[in-house]
Amino acid sequence: MKLTEKQKRFVDYFVELGDMVNAARKAGYSNASALDAPNWLNPNKPQYKPYLKDAIGKRLQKLKNERTASLSEVLEFMTSTMRGEVKEDVVVTEGTGDGCSEARVIQKQVSARDRLEAAKALEKRLGRFIALEKEEQELRNEKLRAEVAELSAGKADDDTVQIIDDLCKAEDEEL
């Protein structure tokens, strides 16, 4: 079901405020309707509006997807931290003379300890992928062994080996 403008505003305000009554008031509903807003999302009430609940759920999922880092983003950040590509802001104080000092912000490379922590975290996360790659490689090896065994079984009848020496023929023709 398509939402009205007022319902769209309600969804937006509810996601922003987290309070159904205030969201309904801000969306333009009367005070009596706003007080009834908690019943709109309660399936046990006759005023239940499943399309509003669905719209709020979709909106929250969209926000979650936009705000949550993906696995590749996390791995890229940890890798660049480990390599020292990430800079951090640090406040330093410098003496200006006469017993006075001045604070300023400078950028510096992350510490060796932070780089080591990033490497450990990266290793921990990549360990799962390495284990999967090893398992995949073992399966490929088993498949190749089975193919070799199958080919060997098919050639068990023919024990002769034929060697073709094309190189000598080509030399004889040139002479």
C-alpha atoms as a PDB file:
ATOM      1  CA  MET A   1       0.000   0.000   0.000  1.00  0.00           C
ATOM      2  CA  LYS A   2       1.281   3.437  -0.881  1.00  0.00           C
ATOM      3  CA  LEU A   3       1.776   5.805   2.053  1.00  0.00           C
ATOM      4  CA  THR A   4       0.243   9.270   2.214  1.00  0.00           C
ATOM      5  CA  GLU A   5       2.496  12.281   2.757  1.00  0.00           C
ATOM      6  CA  LYS A   6       1.427  12.455   6.394  1.00  0.00           C
ATOM      7  CA  GLN A   7       2.260   8.769   6.885  1.00  0.00           C
ATOM      8  CA  LYS A   8       5.659   9.242   5.234  1.00  0.00           C
ATOM      9  CA  ARG A   9       6.364  12.134   7.605  1.00  0.00           C
ATOM     10  CA  PHE A  10       5.277   9.945  10.533  1.00  0.00           C
ATOM     11  CA  VAL A  11       7.739   7.215   9.462  1.00  0.00           C
ATOM     12  CA  ASP A  12      10.551   9.783   9.097  1.00  0.00           C
ATOM     13  CA  TYR A  13       9.859  11.387  12.475  1.00  0.00           C
ATOM     14  CA  PHE A  14       9.453   8.030  14.200  1.00  0.00           C
ATOM     15  CA  VAL A  15      12.831   6.859  12.910  1.00  0.00           C
ATOM     16  CA  GLU A  16      14.354  10.162  14.012  1.00  0.00           C
ATOM     17  CA  LEU A  17      12.661  10.471  17.429  1.00  0.00           C
ATOM     18  CA  GLY A  18      11.824   6.904  18.381  1.00  0.00           C
ATOM     19  CA  ASP A  19       8.581   8.132  19.978  1.00  0.00           C
ATOM     20  CA  MET A  20       5.318   7.341  18.207  1.00  0.00           C
ATOM     21  CA  VAL A  21       3.166  10.035  19.847  1.00  0.00           C
ATOM     22  CA  ASN A  22       5.613  12.887  19.211  1.00  0.00           C
ATOM     23  CA  ALA A  23       6.304  11.582  15.689  1.00  0.00           C
ATOM     24  CA  ALA A  24       2.579  11.638  14.928  1.00  0.00           C
ATOM     25  CA  ARG A  25       2.226  15.172  16.308  1.00  0.00           C
ATOM     26  CA  LYS A  26       5.178  16.435  14.256  1.00  0.00           C
ATOM     27  CA  ALA A  27       3.796  14.698  11.159  1.00  0.00           C
ATOM     28  CA  GLY A  28       0.611  16.765  11.476  1.00  0.00           C
ATOM     29  CA  TYR A  29      -1.840  14.384  13.137  1.00  0.00           C
ATOM     30  CA  SER A  30      -4.332  15.795  15.662  1.00  0.00           C
ATOM     31  CA  ASN A  31      -3.597  15.300  19.343  1.00  0.00           C
ATOM     32  CA  ALA A  32      -6.270  12.574  19.625  1.00  0.00           C
ATOM     33  CA  SER A  33      -4.814  10.704  16.628  1.00  0.00           C
ATOM     34  CA  ALA A  34      -1.282  11.161  17.952  1.00  0.00           C
ATOM     35  CA  LEU A  35      -2.259   9.573  21.267  1.00  0.00           C
ATOM     36  CA  ASP A  36      -3.607   6.623  19.274  1.00  0.00           C
ATOM     37  CA  ALA A  37      -0.308   6.208  17.331  1.00  0.00           C
ATOM     38  CA  PRO A  38       1.081   3.384  19.541  1.00  0.00           C
ATOM     39  CA  ASN A  39      -1.905   1.273  18.462  1.00  0.00           C
ATOM     40  CA  TRP A  40      -0.975   1.703  14.779  1.00  0.00           C
ATOM     41  CA  LEU A  41       2.042  -0.553  15.209  1.00  0.00           C
ATOM     42  CA  ASN A  42       0.497  -3.047  17.624  1.00  0.00           C
ATOM     43  CA  PRO A  43      -0.890  -6.099  15.790  1.00  0.00           C
ATOM     44  CA  ASN A  44      -3.221  -6.865  18.722  1.00  0.00           C
ATOM     45  CA  LYS A  45      -5.116  -3.585  18.319  1.00  0.00           C
ATOM     46  CA  PRO A  46      -7.868  -2.875  15.779  1.00  0.00           C
ATOM     47  CA  GLN A  47      -6.056   0.322  14.659  1.00  0.00           C
ATOM     48  CA  TYR A  48      -3.031  -1.743  13.529  1.00  0.00           C
ATOM     49  CA  LYS A  49      -1.527  -0.537  10.253  1.00  0.00           C
ATOM     50  CA  PRO A  50       0.867  -3.219   8.957  1.00  0.00           C
ATOM     51  CA  TYR A  51       1.989  -1.046   6.039  1.00  0.00           C
ATOM     52  CA  LEU A  52       3.309   1.560   8.501  1.00  0.00           C
ATOM     53  CA  LYS A  53       5.207  -1.108  10.402  1.00  0.00           C
ATOM     54  CA  ASP A  54       6.684  -2.396   7.122  1.00  0.00           C
ATOM     55  CA  ALA A  55       7.680   1.119   6.036  1.00  0.00           C
ATOM     56  CA  ILE A  56       9.410   1.769   9.377  1.00  0.00           C
ATOM     57  CA  GLY A  57      11.201  -1.594   9.165  1.00  0.00           C
ATOM     58  CA  LYS A  58      12.437  -0.871   5.643  1.00  0.00           C
ATOM     59  CA  ARG A  59      13.603   2.593   6.626  1.00  0.00           C
ATOM     60  CA  LEU A  60      15.510   1.277   9.673  1.00  0.00           C
ATOM     61  CA  GLN A  61      17.119  -1.467   7.558  1.00  0.00           C
ATOM     62  CA  LYS A  62      18.197   1.102   4.974  1.00  0.00           C
ATOM     63  CA  LEU A  63      19.775   3.268   7.687  1.00  0.00           C
ATOM     64  CA  LYS A  64      21.481   0.236   9.190  1.00  0.00           C
ATOM     65  CA  ASN A  65      22.947  -0.739   5.805  1.00  0.00           C
ATOM     66  CA  GLU A  66      24.226   2.797   5.201  1.00  0.00           C
ATOM     67  CA  ARG A  67      25.800   3.165   8.628  1.00  0.00           C
ATOM     68  CA  THR A  68      27.248  -0.314   9.127  1.00  0.00           C
ATOM     69  CA  ALA A  69      30.675  -1.050   7.707  1.00  0.00           C
ATOM     70  CA  SER A  70      30.915  -4.043   5.426  1.00  0.00           C
ATOM     71  CA  LEU A  71      33.447  -6.798   6.026  1.00  0.00           C
ATOM     72  CA  SER A  72      35.590  -5.580   3.131  1.00  0.00           C
ATOM     73  CA  GLU A  73      35.621  -2.025   4.554  1.00  0.00           C
ATOM     74  CA  VAL A  74      36.771  -3.331   7.932  1.00  0.00           C
ATOM     75  CA  LEU A  75      39.475  -5.490   6.343  1.00  0.00           C
ATOM     76  CA  GLU A  76      40.683  -2.577   4.176  1.00  0.00           C
ATOM     77  CA  PHE A  77      40.869  -0.269   7.204  1.00  0.00           C
ATOM     78  CA  MET A  78      42.773  -2.824   9.279  1.00  0.00           C
ATOM     79  CA  THR A  79      45.156  -3.443   6.388  1.00  0.00           C
ATOM     80  CA  SER A  80      45.879   0.257   5.850  1.00  0.00           C
ATOM     81  CA  THR A  81      46.331   0.720   9.615  1.00  0.00           C
ATOM     82  CA  MET A  82      48.757  -2.190   9.739  1.00  0.00           C
ATOM     83  CA  ARG A  83      50.720  -0.727   6.818  1.00  0.00           C
ATOM     84  CA  GLY A  84      50.902   2.677   8.507  1.00  0.00           C
ATOM     85  CA  GLU A  85      48.791   4.433   5.877  1.00  0.00           C
ATOM     86  CA  VAL A  86      46.331   5.758   8.480  1.00  0.00           C
ATOM     87  CA  LYS A  87      47.166   9.038  10.210  1.00  0.00           C
ATOM     88  CA  GLU A  88      45.725  10.201  13.502  1.00  0.00           C
ATOM     89  CA  ASP A  89      45.373  13.670  15.013  1.00  0.00           C
ATOM     90  CA  VAL A  90      47.362  14.316  18.175  1.00  0.00           C
ATOM     91  CA  VAL A  91      47.369  17.414  20.380  1.00  0.00           C
ATOM     92  CA  VAL A  92      50.857  18.627  21.287  1.00  0.00           C
ATOM     93  CA  THR A  93      51.904  21.546  23.426  1.00  0.00           C
ATOM     94  CA  GLU A  94      54.835  23.713  22.462  1.00  0.00           C
ATOM     95  CA  GLY A  95      56.561  26.231  24.621  1.00  0.00           C
ATOM     96  CA  THR A  96      56.304  29.792  23.286  1.00  0.00           C
ATOM     97  CA  GLY A  97      58.655  31.311  25.857  1.00  0.00           C
ATOM     98  CA  ASP A  98      58.165  33.156  29.134  1.00  0.00           C
ATOM     99  CA  GLY A  99      56.669  30.015  30.695  1.00  0.00           C
ATOM    100  CA  CYS A 100      53.772  29.938  28.223  1.00  0.00           C
ATOM    101  CA  SER A 101      52.791  27.130  25.925  1.00  0.00           C
ATOM    102  CA  GLU A 102      50.478  26.682  23.013  1.00  0.00           C
ATOM    103  CA  ALA A 103      48.497  23.607  21.984  1.00  0.00           C
ATOM    104  CA  ARG A 104      48.171  22.574  18.392  1.00  0.00           C
ATOM    105  CA  VAL A 105      46.973  19.528  16.488  1.00  0.00           C
ATOM    106  CA  ILE A 106      49.359  17.555  14.284  1.00  0.00           C
ATOM    107  CA  GLN A 107      48.898  14.402  12.258  1.00  0.00           C
ATOM    108  CA  LYS A 108      51.113  11.451  13.001  1.00  0.00           C
ATOM    109  CA  GLN A 109      51.331   7.873  11.895  1.00  0.00           C
ATOM    110  CA  VAL A 110      49.575   5.361  14.147  1.00  0.00           C
ATOM    111  CA  SER A 111      51.795   3.791  16.789  1.00  0.00           C
ATOM    112  CA  ALA A 112      53.579   0.490  16.365  1.00  0.00           C
ATOM    113  CA  ARG A 113      51.348  -0.995  19.063  1.00  0.00           C
ATOM    114  CA  ASP A 114      48.204   0.028  17.135  1.00  0.00           C
ATOM    115  CA  ARG A 115      49.675  -1.364  13.929  1.00  0.00           C
ATOM    116  CA  LEU A 116      50.433  -4.647  15.678  1.00  0.00           C
ATOM    117  CA  GLU A 117      46.878  -4.805  17.065  1.00  0.00           C
ATOM    118  CA  ALA A 118      45.510  -4.224  13.559  1.00  0.00           C
ATOM    119  CA  ALA A 119      47.736  -7.017  12.237  1.00  0.00           C
ATOM    120  CA  LYS A 120      46.508  -9.390  14.949  1.00  0.00           C
ATOM    121  CA  ALA A 121      42.865  -8.508  14.281  1.00  0.00           C
ATOM    122  CA  LEU A 122      43.421  -8.927  10.544  1.00  0.00           C
ATOM    123  CA  GLU A 123      45.100 -12.286  11.049  1.00  0.00           C
ATOM    124  CA  LYS A 124      42.235 -13.419  13.259  1.00  0.00           C
ATOM    125  CA  ARG A 125      39.641 -12.498  10.639  1.00  0.00           C
ATOM    126  CA  LEU A 126      41.623 -13.794   7.678  1.00  0.00           C
ATOM    127  CA  GLY A 127      42.293 -17.077   9.482  1.00  0.00           C
ATOM    128  CA  ARG A 128      38.759 -18.127   8.637  1.00  0.00           C
ATOM    129  CA  PHE A 129      39.332 -17.402   4.951  1.00  0.00           C
ATOM    130  CA  ILE A 130      42.668 -19.227   4.930  1.00  0.00           C
ATOM    131  CA  ALA A 131      41.035 -22.303   6.488  1.00  0.00           C
ATOM    132  CA  LEU A 132      38.345 -22.199   3.798  1.00  0.00           C
ATOM    133  CA  GLU A 133      40.971 -21.869   1.059  1.00  0.00           C
ATOM    134  CA  LYS A 134      42.881 -24.882   2.453  1.00  0.00           C
ATOM    135  CA  GLU A 135      39.705 -26.933   2.532  1.00  0.00           C
ATOM    136  CA  GLU A 136      38.916 -25.894  -1.044  1.00  0.00           C
ATOM    137  CA  GLN A 137      42.446 -26.859  -2.157  1.00  0.00           C
ATOM    138  CA  GLU A 138      42.146 -30.261  -0.456  1.00  0.00           C
ATOM    139  CA  LEU A 139      38.889 -30.888  -2.325  1.00  0.00           C
ATOM    140  CA  ARG A 140      40.572 -29.997  -5.634  1.00  0.00           C
ATOM    141  CA  ASN A 141      43.452 -32.369  -4.823  1.00  0.00           C
ATOM    142  CA  GLU A 142      41.026 -35.216  -4.030  1.00  0.00           C
ATOM    143  CA  LYS A 143      39.224 -34.609  -7.311  1.00  0.00           C
ATOM    144  CA  LEU A 144      42.502 -34.713  -9.247  1.00  0.00           C
ATOM    145  CA  ARG A 145      43.558 -37.921  -7.458  1.00  0.00           C
ATOM    146  CA  ALA A 146      40.230 -39.502  -8.402  1.00  0.00           C
ATOM    147  CA  GLU A 147      40.707 -38.482 -12.046  1.00  0.00           C
ATOM    148  CA  VAL A 148      44.248 -39.896 -12.088  1.00  0.00           C
ATOM    149  CA  ALA A 149      43.025 -43.141 -10.525  1.00  0.00           C
ATOM    150  CA  GLU A 150      40.239 -43.356 -13.085  1.00  0.00           C
ATOM    151  CA  LEU A 151      42.640 -42.773 -15.973  1.00  0.00           C
ATOM    152  CA  SER A 152      45.099 -45.289 -14.538  1.00  0.00           C
ATOM    153  CA  ALA A 153      42.375 -47.905 -14.227  1.00  0.00           C
ATOM    154  CA  GLY A 154      41.384 -47.345 -17.860  1.00  0.00           C
ATOM    155  CA  LYS A 155      44.972 -47.853 -19.094  1.00  0.00           C
ATOM    156  CA  ALA A 156      45.637 -50.953 -16.969  1.00  0.00           C
ATOM    157  CA  ASP A 157      44.984 -53.137 -20.031  1.00  0.00           C
ATOM    158  CA  ASP A 158      47.583 -51.384 -22.169  1.00  0.00           C
ATOM    159  CA  ASP A 159      51.052 -51.636 -20.595  1.00  0.00           C
ATOM    160  CA  THR A 160      52.946 -50.538 -23.700  1.00  0.00           C
ATOM    161  CA  VAL A 161      54.466 -47.105 -24.042  1.00  0.00           C
ATOM    162  CA  GLN A 162      55.141 -45.594 -27.436  1.00  0.00           C
ATOM    163  CA  ILE A 163      57.838 -42.955 -27.790  1.00  0.00           C
ATOM    164  CA  ILE A 164      57.702 -40.778 -30.857  1.00  0.00           C
ATOM    165  CA  ASP A 165      60.922 -39.095 -31.883  1.00  0.00           C
ATOM    166  CA  ASP A 166      59.916 -36.332 -34.293  1.00  0.00           C
ATOM    167  CA  LEU A 167      63.117 -34.413 -33.721  1.00  0.00           C
ATOM    168  CA  CYS A 168      65.321 -36.972 -35.461  1.00  0.00           C
ATOM    169  CA  LYS A 169      63.033 -37.107 -38.511  1.00  0.00           C
ATOM    170  CA  ALA A 170      63.201 -33.328 -38.915  1.00  0.00           C
ATOM    171  CA  GLU A 171      67.033 -33.382 -38.773  1.00  0.00           C
ATOM    172  CA  ASP A 172      67.208 -36.231 -41.362  1.00  0.00           C
ATOM    173  CA  GLU A 173      64.974 -34.300 -43.773  1.00  0.00           C
ATOM    174  CA  GLU A 174      67.175 -31.205 -43.579  1.00  0.00           C
ATOM    175  CA  LEU A 175      70.241 -33.177 -44.589  1.00  0.00           C
END
